[in-house]
Amino acid sequence: MNSPSLVTLSAVKRAREQVAGKIHHTPVTSSASLGRMFGCNLFLKEELFQRTGAFKLRGALVRIDALSAQERRHGVCTVSAGNHAQGTALAARLADISCLVVMPANAVRSKVDATRGYGAEVILHGDLTTIFDRVLQEEKDRNLTFIHPFDHPDIIAGQGTVGLELMEDVPDLDLVIVPIGGGGLASGIAVAVKGLSPSTRVIGVEPFGADAMWQSLQSGRPETLARLNTIADGLSAPFAGERTLAHISRLVDDVVRVTDREIVTAMRLLATRCKIMAEPAGAAATAALAAGKITGLTARSRVAVIVSGGNIDLERLAELLAPDRPTESVVS
């Protein structure tokens, strides 16, 4: 089987034109405190301040922009634990088309409510092993267009606009650290970063309890997980995509894994030292640094971490950050 072709830097630049005026150019801040702690010159790309609270709107806008007039008349559907659901719902509303989202029955309640608030119809589905089957059945029954959460060239190109902004705002980076769920964000950022600065390393980060991409890199083919077991619902893709695996295997220098406990530690550090409240998925890249999973750094290394989202219930936040609470694997 031939490997899928990679998204180009030109496609990412076109995507930026497609999303212009519809998204925020999110800030990049430095953290001297965390930089000293981690032994590097640290920058945070704060995508949690994007519209809908995460990066996902970017790719959804690009994908929906490419729909035909007939596809727009019928509407779109997708599947998501929350951030892609919200991004697709808002992108659909901006395009004035209908949107159906299938979400896990145990999805974060605030993400479900926000998705409905953006105008989408939400179906809650209890079995994560069949949730993609459910949305594809809805696609067929209602003649909808499926907006893939990660494994589509338009999605990858749209997420790559994060990397364009980052490299323009902070030139000469030595390393960019990106969380991986399905891999759309890591793929797109890697296209942008390597296209603009081939010597800059890109490292992906997955939770141990949702490491489909890491397992796929070991086997050389897209793997599907029998079970998901992590607090980082935003990184809980049950399988790796063919396109995202192709991008990550060719453009990303390494993929490391972190525990839920390490993610919570990073959430606390971001809250106390940087005054930003990341959701677990959004703190995963920082967790890799805090846990010493990234090697070869010096005090002069210019390192950027992607803080990819901040959508978390206040009740859930208090539960996760309770000082004496065990934090290993909560979502299953």
C-alpha atoms as a PDB file:
ATOM      1  CA  MET A   1       0.000   0.000   0.000  1.00  0.00           C
ATOM      2  CA  ASN A   2       1.366   3.426  -0.944  1.00  0.00           C
ATOM      3  CA  SER A   3       1.872   5.900   1.867  1.00  0.00           C
ATOM      4  CA  PRO A   4      -0.507   8.898   1.688  1.00  0.00           C
ATOM      5  CA  SER A   5       1.011  12.075   0.274  1.00  0.00           C
ATOM      6  CA  LEU A   6       1.926  14.739   2.804  1.00  0.00           C
ATOM      7  CA  VAL A   7       0.273  18.113   3.164  1.00  0.00           C
ATOM      8  CA  THR A   8       2.521  20.858   1.831  1.00  0.00           C
ATOM      9  CA  LEU A   9       3.637  24.118   3.385  1.00  0.00           C
ATOM     10  CA  SER A  10       1.804  25.897   0.562  1.00  0.00           C
ATOM     11  CA  ALA A  11      -1.431  24.158   1.623  1.00  0.00           C
ATOM     12  CA  VAL A  12      -0.947  25.354   5.198  1.00  0.00           C
ATOM     13  CA  LYS A  13      -0.390  28.898   3.959  1.00  0.00           C
ATOM     14  CA  ARG A  14      -3.584  28.676   1.888  1.00  0.00           C
ATOM     15  CA  ALA A  15      -5.395  27.430   4.979  1.00  0.00           C
ATOM     16  CA  ARG A  16      -4.337  30.544   6.843  1.00  0.00           C
ATOM     17  CA  GLU A  17      -6.054  32.639   4.187  1.00  0.00           C
ATOM     18  CA  GLN A  18      -9.191  30.510   4.587  1.00  0.00           C
ATOM     19  CA  VAL A  19      -9.380  31.018   8.357  1.00  0.00           C
ATOM     20  CA  ALA A  20      -8.357  34.688   8.344  1.00  0.00           C
ATOM     21  CA  GLY A  21     -10.833  36.830  10.240  1.00  0.00           C
ATOM     22  CA  LYS A  22     -12.558  33.788  11.755  1.00  0.00           C
ATOM     23  CA  ILE A  23      -9.987  32.746  14.356  1.00  0.00           C
ATOM     24  CA  HIS A  24      -7.748  34.402  16.917  1.00  0.00           C
ATOM     25  CA  HIS A  25      -4.021  34.685  16.356  1.00  0.00           C
ATOM     26  CA  THR A  26      -3.303  33.190  19.773  1.00  0.00           C
ATOM     27  CA  PRO A  27      -0.551  34.602  21.985  1.00  0.00           C
ATOM     28  CA  VAL A  28       2.901  33.225  22.620  1.00  0.00           C
ATOM     29  CA  THR A  29       4.298  33.996  26.058  1.00  0.00           C
ATOM     30  CA  SER A  30       7.575  33.132  27.723  1.00  0.00           C
ATOM     31  CA  SER A  31       7.999  31.678  31.194  1.00  0.00           C
ATOM     32  CA  ALA A  32      11.302  32.373  32.880  1.00  0.00           C
ATOM     33  CA  SER A  33      10.189  30.446  35.959  1.00  0.00           C
ATOM     34  CA  LEU A  34       9.323  27.228  34.133  1.00  0.00           C
ATOM     35  CA  GLY A  35      12.269  27.705  31.798  1.00  0.00           C
ATOM     36  CA  ARG A  36      14.662  27.636  34.750  1.00  0.00           C
ATOM     37  CA  MET A  37      12.875  24.609  36.148  1.00  0.00           C
ATOM     38  CA  PHE A  38      13.054  22.703  32.857  1.00  0.00           C
ATOM     39  CA  GLY A  39      16.511  23.923  31.848  1.00  0.00           C
ATOM     40  CA  CYS A  40      15.608  25.797  28.664  1.00  0.00           C
ATOM     41  CA  ASN A  41      14.319  29.054  27.213  1.00  0.00           C
ATOM     42  CA  LEU A  42      10.590  28.298  27.267  1.00  0.00           C
ATOM     43  CA  PHE A  43       7.704  29.659  25.192  1.00  0.00           C
ATOM     44  CA  LEU A  44       4.015  28.758  25.442  1.00  0.00           C
ATOM     45  CA  LYS A  45       1.749  28.841  22.377  1.00  0.00           C
ATOM     46  CA  GLU A  46      -1.555  29.475  24.151  1.00  0.00           C
ATOM     47  CA  GLU A  47      -4.105  27.875  21.857  1.00  0.00           C
ATOM     48  CA  LEU A  48      -6.467  27.521  24.819  1.00  0.00           C
ATOM     49  CA  PHE A  49      -7.363  31.155  24.089  1.00  0.00           C
ATOM     50  CA  GLN A  50      -8.633  30.219  20.621  1.00  0.00           C
ATOM     51  CA  ARG A  51     -12.352  30.519  19.880  1.00  0.00           C
ATOM     52  CA  THR A  52     -14.107  27.465  21.401  1.00  0.00           C
ATOM     53  CA  GLY A  53     -11.165  27.110  23.816  1.00  0.00           C
ATOM     54  CA  ALA A  54      -8.986  24.889  21.613  1.00  0.00           C
ATOM     55  CA  PHE A  55      -7.218  24.705  18.245  1.00  0.00           C
ATOM     56  CA  LYS A  56      -9.833  22.519  16.545  1.00  0.00           C
ATOM     57  CA  LEU A  57     -11.784  25.348  14.920  1.00  0.00           C
ATOM     58  CA  ARG A  58      -8.892  25.932  12.498  1.00  0.00           C
ATOM     59  CA  GLY A  59      -9.100  22.586  10.726  1.00  0.00           C
ATOM     60  CA  ALA A  60     -12.883  22.465  10.775  1.00  0.00           C
ATOM     61  CA  LEU A  61     -13.094  25.836   9.035  1.00  0.00           C
ATOM     62  CA  VAL A  62     -10.759  24.717   6.263  1.00  0.00           C
ATOM     63  CA  ARG A  63     -12.567  21.409   5.757  1.00  0.00           C
ATOM     64  CA  ILE A  64     -16.020  23.019   5.622  1.00  0.00           C
ATOM     65  CA  ASP A  65     -14.777  25.752   3.302  1.00  0.00           C
ATOM     66  CA  ALA A  66     -13.984  23.034   0.743  1.00  0.00           C
ATOM     67  CA  LEU A  67     -17.519  21.561   0.682  1.00  0.00           C
ATOM     68  CA  SER A  68     -19.598  21.675  -2.468  1.00  0.00           C
ATOM     69  CA  ALA A  69     -22.917  23.509  -2.588  1.00  0.00           C
ATOM     70  CA  GLN A  70     -24.755  20.168  -2.473  1.00  0.00           C
ATOM     71  CA  GLU A  71     -22.777  18.984   0.561  1.00  0.00           C
ATOM     72  CA  ARG A  72     -23.556  22.242   2.335  1.00  0.00           C
ATOM     73  CA  ARG A  73     -27.279  21.769   1.734  1.00  0.00           C
ATOM     74  CA  HIS A  74     -27.241  18.370   3.453  1.00  0.00           C
ATOM     75  CA  GLY A  75     -24.944  19.362   6.322  1.00  0.00           C
ATOM     76  CA  VAL A  76     -22.057  17.729   8.147  1.00  0.00           C
ATOM     77  CA  CYS A  77     -21.430  15.264  10.931  1.00  0.00           C
ATOM     78  CA  THR A  78     -18.492  14.345  13.111  1.00  0.00           C
ATOM     79  CA  VAL A  79     -17.417  12.411  16.195  1.00  0.00           C
ATOM     80  CA  SER A  80     -15.555  13.912  19.119  1.00  0.00           C
ATOM     81  CA  ALA A  81     -15.043  13.900  22.864  1.00  0.00           C
ATOM     82  CA  GLY A  82     -15.486  17.641  22.845  1.00  0.00           C
ATOM     83  CA  ASN A  83     -12.962  20.029  21.317  1.00  0.00           C
ATOM     84  CA  HIS A  84     -13.414  18.949  17.699  1.00  0.00           C
ATOM     85  CA  ALA A  85     -17.155  18.826  18.372  1.00  0.00           C
ATOM     86  CA  GLN A  86     -17.167  22.474  19.396  1.00  0.00           C
ATOM     87  CA  GLY A  87     -14.853  23.529  16.574  1.00  0.00           C
ATOM     88  CA  THR A  88     -16.950  21.798  13.924  1.00  0.00           C
ATOM     89  CA  ALA A  89     -20.196  23.102  15.396  1.00  0.00           C
ATOM     90  CA  LEU A  90     -18.960  26.679  15.297  1.00  0.00           C
ATOM     91  CA  ALA A  91     -17.450  26.297  11.815  1.00  0.00           C
ATOM     92  CA  ALA A  92     -20.777  24.920  10.593  1.00  0.00           C
ATOM     93  CA  ARG A  93     -22.694  27.768  12.194  1.00  0.00           C
ATOM     94  CA  LEU A  94     -20.387  30.333  10.557  1.00  0.00           C
ATOM     95  CA  ALA A  95     -21.041  28.609   7.205  1.00  0.00           C
ATOM     96  CA  ASP A  96     -24.798  28.477   7.946  1.00  0.00           C
ATOM     97  CA  ILE A  97     -25.033  24.688   7.555  1.00  0.00           C
ATOM     98  CA  SER A  98     -26.386  21.979   9.864  1.00  0.00           C
ATOM     99  CA  CYS A  99     -24.119  19.873  12.058  1.00  0.00           C
ATOM    100  CA  LEU A 100     -24.578  16.551  13.865  1.00  0.00           C
ATOM    101  CA  VAL A 101     -22.017  15.412  16.444  1.00  0.00           C
ATOM    102  CA  VAL A 102     -21.760  11.969  18.041  1.00  0.00           C
ATOM    103  CA  MET A 103     -20.054  12.287  21.433  1.00  0.00           C
ATOM    104  CA  PRO A 104     -19.147   9.730  24.119  1.00  0.00           C
ATOM    105  CA  ALA A 105     -21.823   9.326  26.765  1.00  0.00           C
ATOM    106  CA  ASN A 106     -19.212  10.221  29.413  1.00  0.00           C
ATOM    107  CA  ALA A 107     -17.998  13.345  27.581  1.00  0.00           C
ATOM    108  CA  VAL A 108     -17.258  16.402  29.712  1.00  0.00           C
ATOM    109  CA  ARG A 109     -20.650  17.989  30.310  1.00  0.00           C
ATOM    110  CA  SER A 110     -19.479  21.517  29.589  1.00  0.00           C
ATOM    111  CA  LYS A 111     -18.155  20.366  26.187  1.00  0.00           C
ATOM    112  CA  VAL A 112     -21.496  18.756  25.345  1.00  0.00           C
ATOM    113  CA  ASP A 113     -23.382  21.888  26.394  1.00  0.00           C
ATOM    114  CA  ALA A 114     -21.026  24.143  24.424  1.00  0.00           C
ATOM    115  CA  THR A 115     -21.403  22.000  21.294  1.00  0.00           C
ATOM    116  CA  ARG A 116     -25.169  22.302  21.520  1.00  0.00           C
ATOM    117  CA  GLY A 117     -24.765  25.997  22.223  1.00  0.00           C
ATOM    118  CA  TYR A 118     -22.982  26.449  18.910  1.00  0.00           C
ATOM    119  CA  GLY A 119     -26.054  24.972  17.219  1.00  0.00           C
ATOM    120  CA  ALA A 120     -25.144  21.323  16.671  1.00  0.00           C
ATOM    121  CA  GLU A 121     -27.369  18.326  17.252  1.00  0.00           C
ATOM    122  CA  VAL A 122     -25.597  16.002  19.729  1.00  0.00           C
ATOM    123  CA  ILE A 123     -26.035  12.239  20.006  1.00  0.00           C
ATOM    124  CA  LEU A 124     -24.453  10.641  23.086  1.00  0.00           C
ATOM    125  CA  HIS A 125     -23.071   7.155  22.409  1.00  0.00           C
ATOM    126  CA  GLY A 126     -22.007   4.788  25.163  1.00  0.00           C
ATOM    127  CA  ASP A 127     -19.566   2.396  23.493  1.00  0.00           C
ATOM    128  CA  LEU A 128     -16.279   4.017  22.435  1.00  0.00           C
ATOM    129  CA  THR A 129     -15.338   0.989  20.343  1.00  0.00           C
ATOM    130  CA  THR A 130     -18.349   1.573  18.058  1.00  0.00           C
ATOM    131  CA  ILE A 131     -18.633   5.357  18.184  1.00  0.00           C
ATOM    132  CA  PHE A 132     -17.072   5.843  14.742  1.00  0.00           C
ATOM    133  CA  ASP A 133     -19.432   3.213  13.329  1.00  0.00           C
ATOM    134  CA  ARG A 134     -22.352   5.198  14.754  1.00  0.00           C
ATOM    135  CA  VAL A 135     -21.375   8.486  13.144  1.00  0.00           C
ATOM    136  CA  LEU A 136     -20.696   6.800   9.798  1.00  0.00           C
ATOM    137  CA  GLN A 137     -24.152   5.239   9.949  1.00  0.00           C
ATOM    138  CA  GLU A 138     -25.661   8.671  10.602  1.00  0.00           C
ATOM    139  CA  GLU A 139     -23.657  10.004   7.666  1.00  0.00           C
ATOM    140  CA  LYS A 140     -25.165   7.361   5.397  1.00  0.00           C
ATOM    141  CA  ASP A 141     -28.730   7.596   6.719  1.00  0.00           C
ATOM    142  CA  ARG A 142     -28.908  11.398   6.527  1.00  0.00           C
ATOM    143  CA  ASN A 143     -26.654  11.947   3.498  1.00  0.00           C
ATOM    144  CA  LEU A 144     -24.252  14.092   5.546  1.00  0.00           C
ATOM    145  CA  THR A 145     -20.558  14.830   4.963  1.00  0.00           C
ATOM    146  CA  PHE A 146     -18.267  13.420   7.637  1.00  0.00           C
ATOM    147  CA  ILE A 147     -15.732  15.906   9.014  1.00  0.00           C
ATOM    148  CA  HIS A 148     -12.900  13.690  10.240  1.00  0.00           C
ATOM    149  CA  PRO A 149     -11.409  14.795  13.571  1.00  0.00           C
ATOM    150  CA  PHE A 150      -7.832  14.434  12.347  1.00  0.00           C
ATOM    151  CA  ASP A 151      -7.133  12.234   9.310  1.00  0.00           C
ATOM    152  CA  HIS A 152      -7.912  14.546   6.383  1.00  0.00           C
ATOM    153  CA  PRO A 153      -5.598  16.888   4.427  1.00  0.00           C
ATOM    154  CA  ASP A 154      -7.795  19.939   5.048  1.00  0.00           C
ATOM    155  CA  ILE A 155      -7.866  19.259   8.786  1.00  0.00           C
ATOM    156  CA  ILE A 156      -4.088  18.832   8.883  1.00  0.00           C
ATOM    157  CA  ALA A 157      -3.535  22.007   6.859  1.00  0.00           C
ATOM    158  CA  GLY A 158      -5.855  23.986   9.109  1.00  0.00           C
ATOM    159  CA  GLN A 159      -4.151  22.818  12.293  1.00  0.00           C
ATOM    160  CA  GLY A 160      -0.823  23.655  10.688  1.00  0.00           C
ATOM    161  CA  THR A 161      -1.687  27.349  10.919  1.00  0.00           C
ATOM    162  CA  VAL A 162      -0.775  27.067  14.615  1.00  0.00           C
ATOM    163  CA  GLY A 163       2.775  26.294  13.497  1.00  0.00           C
ATOM    164  CA  LEU A 164       2.875  29.215  11.041  1.00  0.00           C
ATOM    165  CA  GLU A 165       1.888  31.657  13.771  1.00  0.00           C
ATOM    166  CA  LEU A 166       4.378  30.169  16.198  1.00  0.00           C
ATOM    167  CA  MET A 167       7.350  30.313  13.832  1.00  0.00           C
ATOM    168  CA  GLU A 168       6.563  33.895  12.845  1.00  0.00           C
ATOM    169  CA  ASP A 169       6.175  35.041  16.455  1.00  0.00           C
ATOM    170  CA  VAL A 170       9.202  33.143  17.829  1.00  0.00           C
ATOM    171  CA  PRO A 171      11.892  32.658  15.180  1.00  0.00           C
ATOM    172  CA  ASP A 172      14.844  30.307  15.571  1.00  0.00           C
ATOM    173  CA  LEU A 173      13.168  27.718  17.776  1.00  0.00           C
ATOM    174  CA  ASP A 174      15.213  24.629  18.550  1.00  0.00           C
ATOM    175  CA  LEU A 175      12.264  22.461  19.557  1.00  0.00           C
ATOM    176  CA  VAL A 176       8.469  22.428  19.365  1.00  0.00           C
ATOM    177  CA  ILE A 177       6.537  20.010  21.615  1.00  0.00           C
ATOM    178  CA  VAL A 178       3.015  19.069  20.519  1.00  0.00           C
ATOM    179  CA  PRO A 179       0.310  16.886  22.102  1.00  0.00           C
ATOM    180  CA  ILE A 180      -0.982  13.989  19.994  1.00  0.00           C
ATOM    181  CA  GLY A 181      -4.521  12.625  20.000  1.00  0.00           C
ATOM    182  CA  GLY A 182      -5.324  11.544  16.468  1.00  0.00           C
ATOM    183  CA  GLY A 183      -2.285  13.453  15.242  1.00  0.00           C
ATOM    184  CA  GLY A 184      -3.843  16.187  13.115  1.00  0.00           C
ATOM    185  CA  LEU A 185      -2.286  19.008  15.149  1.00  0.00           C
ATOM    186  CA  ALA A 186       1.151  17.384  15.324  1.00  0.00           C
ATOM    187  CA  SER A 187       1.039  16.620  11.599  1.00  0.00           C
ATOM    188  CA  GLY A 188       0.090  20.144  10.593  1.00  0.00           C
ATOM    189  CA  ILE A 189       2.535  21.827  12.944  1.00  0.00           C
ATOM    190  CA  ALA A 190       5.320  19.546  11.734  1.00  0.00           C
ATOM    191  CA  VAL A 191       4.571  20.521   8.109  1.00  0.00           C
ATOM    192  CA  ALA A 192       4.797  24.215   9.012  1.00  0.00           C
ATOM    193  CA  VAL A 193       7.806  23.978  11.309  1.00  0.00           C
ATOM    194  CA  LYS A 194       9.909  21.706   9.111  1.00  0.00           C
ATOM    195  CA  GLY A 195       8.923  23.688   6.023  1.00  0.00           C
ATOM    196  CA  LEU A 196      10.112  26.943   7.558  1.00  0.00           C
ATOM    197  CA  SER A 197      12.981  25.645   9.709  1.00  0.00           C
ATOM    198  CA  PRO A 198      14.140  22.100   8.853  1.00  0.00           C
ATOM    199  CA  SER A 199      16.612  22.004  11.750  1.00  0.00           C
ATOM    200  CA  THR A 200      13.920  22.634  14.389  1.00  0.00           C
ATOM    201  CA  ARG A 201      12.974  19.422  16.165  1.00  0.00           C
ATOM    202  CA  VAL A 202       9.337  18.467  16.664  1.00  0.00           C
ATOM    203  CA  ILE A 203       8.388  16.050  19.437  1.00  0.00           C
ATOM    204  CA  GLY A 204       4.913  14.633  19.994  1.00  0.00           C
ATOM    205  CA  VAL A 205       3.434  13.671  23.365  1.00  0.00           C
ATOM    206  CA  GLU A 206       0.777  11.047  24.099  1.00  0.00           C
ATOM    207  CA  PRO A 207      -0.744   9.733  27.334  1.00  0.00           C
ATOM    208  CA  PHE A 208       0.160   6.129  28.156  1.00  0.00           C
ATOM    209  CA  GLY A 209      -3.558   5.353  28.272  1.00  0.00           C
ATOM    210  CA  ALA A 210      -4.208   6.589  24.711  1.00  0.00           C
ATOM    211  CA  ASP A 211      -0.991   5.895  22.828  1.00  0.00           C
ATOM    212  CA  ALA A 212      -2.316   4.731  19.461  1.00  0.00           C
ATOM    213  CA  MET A 213       0.236   6.802  17.532  1.00  0.00           C
ATOM    214  CA  TRP A 214       3.174   5.556  19.603  1.00  0.00           C
ATOM    215  CA  GLN A 215       2.056   1.956  19.070  1.00  0.00           C
ATOM    216  CA  SER A 216       1.561   2.609  15.356  1.00  0.00           C
ATOM    217  CA  LEU A 217       5.078   3.967  15.024  1.00  0.00           C
ATOM    218  CA  GLN A 218       6.391   0.785  16.646  1.00  0.00           C
ATOM    219  CA  SER A 219       4.443  -1.504  14.300  1.00  0.00           C
ATOM    220  CA  GLY A 220       4.658   0.640  11.172  1.00  0.00           C
ATOM    221  CA  ARG A 221       0.890   0.571  10.575  1.00  0.00           C
ATOM    222  CA  PRO A 222      -2.159   2.357  12.040  1.00  0.00           C
ATOM    223  CA  GLU A 223      -3.157   0.672  15.293  1.00  0.00           C
ATOM    224  CA  THR A 224      -6.502   0.663  17.082  1.00  0.00           C
ATOM    225  CA  LEU A 225      -6.716   0.614  20.874  1.00  0.00           C
ATOM    226  CA  ALA A 226      -8.999  -1.838  22.621  1.00  0.00           C
ATOM    227  CA  ARG A 227      -9.357   0.525  25.583  1.00  0.00           C
ATOM    228  CA  LEU A 228      -8.767   4.181  26.418  1.00  0.00           C
ATOM    229  CA  ASN A 229      -7.634   5.016  29.938  1.00  0.00           C
ATOM    230  CA  THR A 230      -6.545   8.615  30.539  1.00  0.00           C
ATOM    231  CA  ILE A 231      -7.793  11.861  32.047  1.00  0.00           C
ATOM    232  CA  ALA A 232      -6.814  13.618  28.796  1.00  0.00           C
ATOM    233  CA  ASP A 233     -10.101  13.160  26.919  1.00  0.00           C
ATOM    234  CA  GLY A 234      -8.885  15.580  24.253  1.00  0.00           C
ATOM    235  CA  LEU A 235      -6.145  13.085  23.346  1.00  0.00           C
ATOM    236  CA  SER A 236      -8.327   9.973  23.473  1.00  0.00           C
ATOM    237  CA  ALA A 237      -8.365   9.011  19.812  1.00  0.00           C
ATOM    238  CA  PRO A 238      -9.039   5.262  19.608  1.00  0.00           C
ATOM    239  CA  PHE A 239      -6.825   4.775  16.557  1.00  0.00           C
ATOM    240  CA  ALA A 240      -4.115   6.422  14.488  1.00  0.00           C
ATOM    241  CA  GLY A 241      -4.976   7.643  11.011  1.00  0.00           C
ATOM    242  CA  GLU A 242      -3.118   6.602   7.888  1.00  0.00           C
ATOM    243  CA  ARG A 243      -2.404  10.222   6.950  1.00  0.00           C
ATOM    244  CA  THR A 244      -1.383  11.355  10.398  1.00  0.00           C
ATOM    245  CA  LEU A 245       0.860   8.316  10.842  1.00  0.00           C
ATOM    246  CA  ALA A 246       2.537   9.124   7.515  1.00  0.00           C
ATOM    247  CA  HIS A 247       3.154  12.735   8.560  1.00  0.00           C
ATOM    248  CA  ILE A 248       4.375  11.919  12.053  1.00  0.00           C
ATOM    249  CA  SER A 249       6.626   9.059  10.982  1.00  0.00           C
ATOM    250  CA  ARG A 250       8.326  11.305   8.392  1.00  0.00           C
ATOM    251  CA  LEU A 251       8.306  14.750  10.014  1.00  0.00           C
ATOM    252  CA  VAL A 252       8.175  14.317  13.800  1.00  0.00           C
ATOM    253  CA  ASP A 253      11.514  13.549  15.429  1.00  0.00           C
ATOM    254  CA  ASP A 254      10.177  11.560  18.379  1.00  0.00           C
ATOM    255  CA  VAL A 255       7.008  10.681  20.277  1.00  0.00           C
ATOM    256  CA  VAL A 256       7.130  10.306  24.056  1.00  0.00           C
ATOM    257  CA  ARG A 257       4.473   9.227  26.533  1.00  0.00           C
ATOM    258  CA  VAL A 258       3.374  10.731  29.837  1.00  0.00           C
ATOM    259  CA  THR A 259       1.291   9.476  32.749  1.00  0.00           C
ATOM    260  CA  ASP A 260      -1.883  11.086  34.035  1.00  0.00           C
ATOM    261  CA  ARG A 261      -0.023  12.050  37.193  1.00  0.00           C
ATOM    262  CA  GLU A 262       2.584  13.878  35.110  1.00  0.00           C
ATOM    263  CA  ILE A 263      -0.178  15.669  33.210  1.00  0.00           C
ATOM    264  CA  VAL A 264      -1.796  16.876  36.438  1.00  0.00           C
ATOM    265  CA  THR A 265       1.583  18.105  37.695  1.00  0.00           C
ATOM    266  CA  ALA A 266       1.922  20.125  34.506  1.00  0.00           C
ATOM    267  CA  MET A 267      -1.598  21.536  34.915  1.00  0.00           C
ATOM    268  CA  ARG A 268      -0.639  22.755  38.383  1.00  0.00           C
ATOM    269  CA  LEU A 269       2.586  24.309  37.125  1.00  0.00           C
ATOM    270  CA  LEU A 270       0.829  26.143  34.301  1.00  0.00           C
ATOM    271  CA  ALA A 271      -1.816  27.420  36.717  1.00  0.00           C
ATOM    272  CA  THR A 272       0.542  28.542  39.473  1.00  0.00           C
ATOM    273  CA  ARG A 273       3.536  29.769  37.457  1.00  0.00           C
ATOM    274  CA  CYS A 274       1.876  31.041  34.261  1.00  0.00           C
ATOM    275  CA  LYS A 275      -1.681  31.757  35.461  1.00  0.00           C
ATOM    276  CA  ILE A 276      -3.257  29.732  32.662  1.00  0.00           C
ATOM    277  CA  MET A 277      -5.656  26.862  33.214  1.00  0.00           C
ATOM    278  CA  ALA A 278      -5.082  24.134  30.656  1.00  0.00           C
ATOM    279  CA  GLU A 279      -7.247  21.056  30.343  1.00  0.00           C
ATOM    280  CA  PRO A 280      -5.343  17.753  30.661  1.00  0.00           C
ATOM    281  CA  ALA A 281      -4.793  17.451  26.898  1.00  0.00           C
ATOM    282  CA  GLY A 282      -3.560  21.032  26.801  1.00  0.00           C
ATOM    283  CA  ALA A 283      -0.978  20.354  29.514  1.00  0.00           C
ATOM    284  CA  ALA A 284       0.458  17.175  27.982  1.00  0.00           C
ATOM    285  CA  ALA A 285       3.276  18.884  26.066  1.00  0.00           C
ATOM    286  CA  THR A 286       4.365  20.721  29.211  1.00  0.00           C
ATOM    287  CA  ALA A 287       4.161  17.435  31.129  1.00  0.00           C
ATOM    288  CA  ALA A 288       6.802  15.898  28.884  1.00  0.00           C
ATOM    289  CA  LEU A 289       9.221  18.667  29.828  1.00  0.00           C
ATOM    290  CA  ALA A 290       8.335  18.673  33.509  1.00  0.00           C
ATOM    291  CA  ALA A 291       8.786  14.887  33.743  1.00  0.00           C
ATOM    292  CA  GLY A 292      12.203  14.952  32.072  1.00  0.00           C
ATOM    293  CA  LYS A 293      11.037  13.067  28.974  1.00  0.00           C
ATOM    294  CA  ILE A 294      12.837  15.496  26.609  1.00  0.00           C
ATOM    295  CA  THR A 295      16.600  15.116  26.351  1.00  0.00           C
ATOM    296  CA  GLY A 296      19.382  17.183  24.822  1.00  0.00           C
ATOM    297  CA  LEU A 297      18.293  20.576  26.159  1.00  0.00           C
ATOM    298  CA  THR A 298      20.531  23.360  27.424  1.00  0.00           C
ATOM    299  CA  ALA A 299      19.727  26.639  29.149  1.00  0.00           C
ATOM    300  CA  ARG A 300      20.004  28.329  25.731  1.00  0.00           C
ATOM    301  CA  SER A 301      17.617  25.939  23.946  1.00  0.00           C
ATOM    302  CA  ARG A 302      14.587  27.776  22.566  1.00  0.00           C
ATOM    303  CA  VAL A 303      11.649  25.468  23.252  1.00  0.00           C
ATOM    304  CA  ALA A 304       7.950  26.008  22.529  1.00  0.00           C
ATOM    305  CA  VAL A 305       5.141  23.904  23.956  1.00  0.00           C
ATOM    306  CA  ILE A 306       1.645  23.928  22.505  1.00  0.00           C
ATOM    307  CA  VAL A 307      -0.985  24.504  25.187  1.00  0.00           C
ATOM    308  CA  SER A 308      -3.712  23.138  22.965  1.00  0.00           C
ATOM    309  CA  GLY A 309      -6.914  23.636  24.957  1.00  0.00           C
ATOM    310  CA  GLY A 310      -8.561  24.824  28.147  1.00  0.00           C
ATOM    311  CA  ASN A 311     -12.019  23.250  28.146  1.00  0.00           C
ATOM    312  CA  ILE A 312     -12.613  21.650  31.523  1.00  0.00           C
ATOM    313  CA  ASP A 313     -15.501  21.663  34.009  1.00  0.00           C
ATOM    314  CA  LEU A 314     -14.793  23.610  37.200  1.00  0.00           C
ATOM    315  CA  GLU A 315     -15.958  20.620  39.231  1.00  0.00           C
ATOM    316  CA  ARG A 316     -13.653  18.329  37.291  1.00  0.00           C
ATOM    317  CA  LEU A 317     -10.815  20.806  37.672  1.00  0.00           C
ATOM    318  CA  ALA A 318     -11.195  20.892  41.440  1.00  0.00           C
ATOM    319  CA  GLU A 319     -11.267  17.084  41.504  1.00  0.00           C
ATOM    320  CA  LEU A 320      -8.084  16.737  39.441  1.00  0.00           C
ATOM    321  CA  LEU A 321      -6.103  19.373  41.317  1.00  0.00           C
ATOM    322  CA  ALA A 322      -7.046  18.207  44.830  1.00  0.00           C
ATOM    323  CA  PRO A 323      -3.663  17.822  46.586  1.00  0.00           C
ATOM    324  CA  ASP A 324      -4.101  14.270  47.856  1.00  0.00           C
ATOM    325  CA  ARG A 325      -6.143  12.806  45.014  1.00  0.00           C
ATOM    326  CA  PRO A 326      -4.715   9.865  43.006  1.00  0.00           C
ATOM    327  CA  THR A 327      -4.495  10.902  39.349  1.00  0.00           C
ATOM    328  CA  GLU A 328      -3.648   7.771  37.405  1.00  0.00           C
ATOM    329  CA  SER A 329      -6.221   7.065  34.683  1.00  0.00           C
ATOM    330  CA  VAL A 330      -9.758   8.269  35.138  1.00  0.00           C
ATOM    331  CA  VAL A 331     -11.378   8.067  31.697  1.00  0.00           C
ATOM    332  CA  SER A 332     -12.066   4.604  30.315  1.00  0.00           C
END
